[in-house]
Amino acid sequence: MDREELPREILVHILRRLGFEDRYAAATLVCKAWRDAATDPACWDVANVEECFERRLEVALWSTDEFEERIDAMVKNVVDWSRGGLRELHARHCSNAALVYVASKCPRLQSLSMRDSPNLTDVAGAAIAAACPELRELDLSNTKCISLECFKPCKSLGAAFANAMPGLEVLEFRNGALSDADLQSILDGCSKIRHLDLRGCQGLSNAAVEAASSIVPCFLKPLPRLDEPELPRYGHWQLYSERFQPEFQF
């Protein structure tokens, strides 16, 4: 049977099992039938954009506008192809515009990581908080420009997480700034939380940390802000690789 003669349903079933790079780039270049199948919404309920860059080492380009534009373009394509069905998205170095686009198109989003995105601001945070109530897993580590202001009228960052995402189970907020009251609000409002990573967070007392340790099954305690190697991550967050690469061509 010719590759173009495969029934669409079978082809979609095959392609959705491929890694991100093969689905996003390789499959779309084979022929029209494969491109149509590779851009079917069934192939894009989960997307780990970082897979494309795992074999390239030019990290000096990470902070460039061109690099951010490439990531943004990929994220927006994935969102369009999912037609609102995207449930999990893992990326880095995204802009406000890309994350706001995700929020506006993906109300069913349950798992989101935008860590190491230094240009994200409260605009993006507010969009996610308002539009994605089903979030269960969130990683905003090292997104230094997102603050509690994006969650108004909440009076604290902890209350913001609790009010906007009461079903949150996994929260990674490394190198952020939290108070004891913030942490307590998270514990009180996010009753389902089972993994909390606050490594590098400042402003927490030993008493608050110990109290959280007794409640959260997997609690990674604050540590001094050091340029330390990544520790093993929880569950499917292990999809990340520090060998994030910028030169992938589409």
Protein backbone atom coordinates (compact mmCIF):
# COMPACT_ATOMS: atom_id res chain seq x y z
CA MET A 1 0.00 0.00 0.00
CA ASP A 2 1.29 3.43 -0.94
CA ARG A 3 2.00 5.72 1.99
CA GLU A 4 -0.66 8.13 0.72
CA GLU A 5 -3.27 5.37 0.67
CA LEU A 6 -3.22 4.67 4.40
CA PRO A 7 -6.60 5.49 5.95
CA ARG A 8 -6.41 8.82 7.74
CA GLU A 9 -7.51 7.34 11.07
CA ILE A 10 -4.69 4.80 11.02
CA LEU A 11 -2.12 7.37 9.97
CA VAL A 12 -3.17 9.73 12.76
CA HIS A 13 -2.96 6.89 15.26
CA ILE A 14 0.61 6.14 14.11
CA LEU A 15 1.83 9.74 13.99
CA ARG A 16 0.50 10.74 17.40
CA ARG A 17 2.89 8.20 18.90
CA LEU A 18 5.93 9.96 17.46
CA GLY A 19 8.07 12.44 19.37
CA PHE A 20 7.46 16.15 18.97
CA GLU A 21 10.20 16.73 16.40
CA ASP A 22 9.04 13.92 14.13
CA ARG A 23 5.42 15.01 14.30
CA TYR A 24 6.06 18.74 13.95
CA ALA A 25 8.71 18.77 11.24
CA ALA A 26 9.42 15.42 9.61
CA ALA A 27 5.91 14.06 9.12
CA THR A 28 4.57 17.32 7.71
CA LEU A 29 7.13 17.20 4.88
CA VAL A 30 6.41 13.70 3.56
CA CYS A 31 3.32 14.43 1.50
CA LYS A 32 -0.03 16.21 1.74
CA ALA A 33 -1.79 13.23 3.30
CA TRP A 34 0.85 12.97 6.01
CA ARG A 35 0.81 16.71 6.65
CA ASP A 36 -2.96 16.64 7.03
CA ALA A 37 -2.70 13.74 9.47
CA ALA A 38 0.20 15.27 11.39
CA THR A 39 -1.78 18.46 11.96
CA ASP A 40 -4.90 16.63 13.09
CA PRO A 41 -6.04 17.73 16.57
CA ALA A 42 -5.72 14.16 17.83
CA CYS A 43 -1.94 14.48 17.42
CA TRP A 44 -1.71 17.59 19.58
CA ASP A 45 -3.28 17.04 22.96
CA VAL A 46 0.26 16.86 24.42
CA ALA A 47 3.26 18.89 23.19
CA ASN A 48 6.80 19.01 24.51
CA VAL A 49 8.35 21.73 22.37
CA GLU A 50 11.75 21.25 23.99
CA GLU A 51 12.37 17.91 22.31
CA CYS A 52 13.31 19.71 19.11
CA PHE A 53 16.41 21.20 20.65
CA GLU A 54 17.85 18.39 22.76
CA ARG A 55 20.75 17.63 20.42
CA ARG A 56 22.03 21.16 19.84
CA LEU A 57 24.31 23.02 22.21
CA GLU A 58 24.45 26.69 21.17
CA VAL A 59 23.00 28.03 24.40
CA ALA A 60 24.35 31.52 23.73
CA LEU A 61 21.37 32.14 21.44
CA TRP A 62 18.75 31.38 24.07
CA SER A 63 18.30 35.01 25.05
CA THR A 64 18.01 36.39 21.52
CA ASP A 65 14.81 37.74 20.03
CA GLU A 66 15.16 35.40 17.05
CA PHE A 67 15.23 32.37 19.33
CA GLU A 68 12.15 33.51 21.22
CA GLU A 69 10.35 34.10 17.93
CA ARG A 70 11.08 30.53 16.83
CA ILE A 71 9.68 29.11 20.05
CA ASP A 72 6.63 31.38 19.82
CA ALA A 73 5.94 30.27 16.26
CA MET A 74 6.09 26.60 17.22
CA VAL A 75 3.84 27.09 20.23
CA LYS A 76 1.26 28.98 18.18
CA ASN A 77 1.25 26.31 15.47
CA VAL A 78 0.70 23.58 18.03
CA VAL A 79 -2.15 25.54 19.60
CA ASP A 80 -3.80 26.05 16.20
CA TRP A 81 -3.43 22.39 15.26
CA SER A 82 -4.91 21.25 18.58
CA ARG A 83 -8.07 23.31 17.95
CA GLY A 84 -8.54 23.86 21.64
CA GLY A 85 -7.74 20.30 22.67
CA LEU A 86 -4.24 20.91 24.06
CA ARG A 87 -3.96 19.46 27.57
CA GLU A 88 -0.21 19.53 28.23
CA LEU A 89 2.38 22.02 27.03
CA HIS A 90 6.08 22.15 27.92
CA ALA A 91 8.24 24.97 26.61
CA ARG A 92 10.78 27.60 27.63
CA HIS A 93 11.79 31.06 26.51
CA CYS A 94 8.31 32.05 25.39
CA SER A 95 7.00 35.59 25.10
CA ASN A 96 3.90 37.14 26.63
CA ALA A 97 2.18 37.01 23.26
CA ALA A 98 2.64 33.26 22.93
CA LEU A 99 1.38 32.46 26.42
CA VAL A 100 -1.61 34.79 26.07
CA TYR A 101 -2.40 33.00 22.81
CA VAL A 102 -2.24 29.64 24.58
CA ALA A 103 -4.61 30.89 27.28
CA SER A 104 -7.10 32.26 24.76
CA LYS A 105 -7.28 29.04 22.72
CA CYS A 106 -6.75 26.21 25.21
CA PRO A 107 -9.31 26.25 28.04
CA ARG A 108 -8.78 22.52 28.69
CA LEU A 109 -5.10 22.96 29.55
CA GLN A 110 -4.18 20.81 32.54
CA SER A 111 -0.39 20.85 32.58
CA LEU A 112 1.77 23.86 31.71
CA SER A 113 5.47 24.60 32.03
CA MET A 114 6.92 27.91 30.92
CA ARG A 115 9.94 27.93 33.18
CA ASP A 116 13.05 29.87 32.20
CA SER A 117 10.99 32.40 30.25
CA PRO A 118 12.53 35.67 31.48
CA ASN A 119 10.31 37.92 29.36
CA LEU A 120 6.99 36.68 30.72
CA THR A 121 5.14 39.32 32.74
CA ASP A 122 1.89 39.74 34.64
CA VAL A 123 0.04 40.02 31.33
CA ALA A 124 0.70 36.35 30.63
CA GLY A 125 0.10 35.30 34.22
CA ALA A 126 -3.28 37.00 34.30
CA ALA A 127 -4.32 35.35 31.04
CA ILE A 128 -3.52 31.86 32.30
CA ALA A 129 -5.17 32.46 35.68
CA ALA A 130 -8.38 33.70 34.05
CA ALA A 131 -8.70 31.21 31.20
CA CYS A 132 -7.31 27.86 32.40
CA PRO A 133 -9.26 26.73 35.48
CA GLU A 134 -8.47 23.05 34.88
CA LEU A 135 -4.73 23.43 35.49
CA ARG A 136 -3.36 20.60 37.61
CA GLU A 137 0.38 21.08 37.04
CA LEU A 138 2.19 24.40 36.70
CA ASP A 139 5.87 25.30 36.43
CA LEU A 140 6.77 28.99 36.52
CA SER A 141 10.27 28.59 37.85
CA ASN A 142 12.68 31.39 36.97
CA THR A 143 9.96 33.60 35.46
CA LYS A 144 11.06 36.57 37.49
CA CYS A 145 8.67 39.16 36.08
CA ILE A 146 5.44 37.37 37.04
CA SER A 147 4.12 38.71 40.32
CA LEU A 148 0.98 38.63 42.42
CA GLU A 149 -0.33 41.69 40.55
CA CYS A 150 -1.51 39.46 37.72
CA PHE A 151 -3.91 37.71 40.10
CA LYS A 152 -5.79 40.74 41.43
CA PRO A 153 -7.86 41.14 43.57
CA CYS A 154 -5.81 38.56 45.51
CA LYS A 155 -3.73 40.11 48.27
CA SER A 156 -0.94 37.54 48.17
CA LEU A 157 0.74 35.28 45.65
CA GLY A 158 -0.27 32.22 47.63
CA ALA A 159 -3.92 33.26 47.60
CA ALA A 160 -3.59 33.88 43.86
CA PHE A 161 -2.57 30.28 43.18
CA ALA A 162 -5.27 28.95 45.49
CA ASN A 163 -8.10 31.08 44.08
CA ALA A 164 -7.26 30.74 40.38
CA MET A 165 -6.24 27.07 40.42
CA PRO A 166 -7.89 25.20 43.31
CA GLY A 167 -7.29 21.86 41.60
CA LEU A 168 -3.53 22.36 41.41
CA GLU A 169 -1.59 19.20 42.25
CA VAL A 170 1.93 20.07 41.12
CA LEU A 171 3.50 23.51 41.53
CA GLU A 172 7.09 24.37 40.69
CA PHE A 173 8.05 27.92 41.61
CA ARG A 174 11.79 27.75 42.04
CA ASN A 175 13.73 30.94 42.71
CA GLY A 176 10.54 32.88 43.40
CA ALA A 177 9.68 35.11 46.32
CA LEU A 178 7.12 33.70 48.78
CA SER A 179 6.20 34.67 52.32
CA ASP A 180 5.00 32.35 55.07
CA ALA A 181 1.48 33.65 54.45
CA ASP A 182 1.81 32.85 50.72
CA LEU A 183 2.83 29.30 51.47
CA GLN A 184 0.01 28.81 53.94
CA SER A 185 -2.51 30.14 51.41
CA ILE A 186 -1.29 27.60 48.86
CA LEU A 187 -1.61 24.78 51.38
CA ASP A 188 -5.08 25.91 52.47
CA GLY A 189 -6.49 26.63 49.02
CA CYS A 190 -4.84 23.89 46.95
CA SER A 191 -5.92 20.89 48.99
CA LYS A 192 -4.92 18.44 46.24
CA ILE A 193 -1.31 19.57 46.00
CA ARG A 194 1.11 16.65 46.17
CA HIS A 195 4.31 18.10 44.72
CA LEU A 196 5.69 21.52 45.66
CA ASP A 197 9.10 22.68 44.51
CA LEU A 198 10.27 25.88 46.23
CA ARG A 199 14.01 25.45 45.83
CA GLY A 200 15.70 28.83 45.83
CA CYS A 201 12.65 30.69 47.15
CA GLN A 202 13.40 33.49 49.59
CA GLY A 203 11.46 34.75 52.60
CA LEU A 204 10.20 31.52 54.16
CA SER A 205 10.82 30.70 57.81
CA ASN A 206 12.03 27.31 59.00
CA ALA A 207 8.73 26.80 60.82
CA ALA A 208 6.69 27.35 57.64
CA VAL A 209 8.93 25.04 55.66
CA GLU A 210 8.69 22.26 58.23
CA ALA A 211 4.91 22.64 58.40
CA ALA A 212 4.66 22.29 54.63
CA SER A 213 6.95 19.27 54.70
CA SER A 214 4.50 17.48 56.97
CA ILE A 215 1.57 18.13 54.61
CA VAL A 216 2.86 17.87 51.03
CA PRO A 217 3.96 14.33 50.04
CA CYS A 218 6.76 15.62 47.80
CA PHE A 219 8.07 18.93 49.10
CA LEU A 220 11.40 20.26 47.84
CA LYS A 221 12.62 22.73 50.44
CA PRO A 222 14.02 26.18 49.66
CA LEU A 223 17.76 26.25 49.16
CA PRO A 224 20.19 29.13 48.67
CA ARG A 225 20.03 30.57 45.19
CA LEU A 226 22.93 28.81 43.53
CA ASP A 227 23.72 27.85 39.99
CA GLU A 228 23.33 24.18 40.82
CA PRO A 229 22.65 21.22 38.53
CA GLU A 230 19.06 20.19 37.97
CA LEU A 231 17.84 17.56 40.43
CA PRO A 232 15.60 14.70 39.25
CA ARG A 233 12.16 16.07 38.53
CA TYR A 234 8.72 14.80 39.32
CA GLY A 235 6.81 12.56 36.91
CA HIS A 236 6.63 13.68 33.33
CA TRP A 237 8.51 16.92 34.10
CA GLN A 238 11.55 14.69 33.36
CA LEU A 239 10.83 15.46 29.72
CA TYR A 240 13.02 18.54 30.18
CA SER A 241 16.64 18.59 29.14
CA GLU A 242 19.22 21.22 29.92
CA ARG A 243 20.57 20.64 26.42
CA PHE A 244 17.96 22.99 25.00
CA GLN A 245 18.84 23.85 21.45
CA PRO A 246 18.09 26.91 19.31
CA GLU A 247 19.14 26.10 15.75
CA PHE A 248 16.42 23.68 14.73
CA GLN A 249 15.21 24.65 11.28
CA PHE A 250 11.66 24.30 10.00
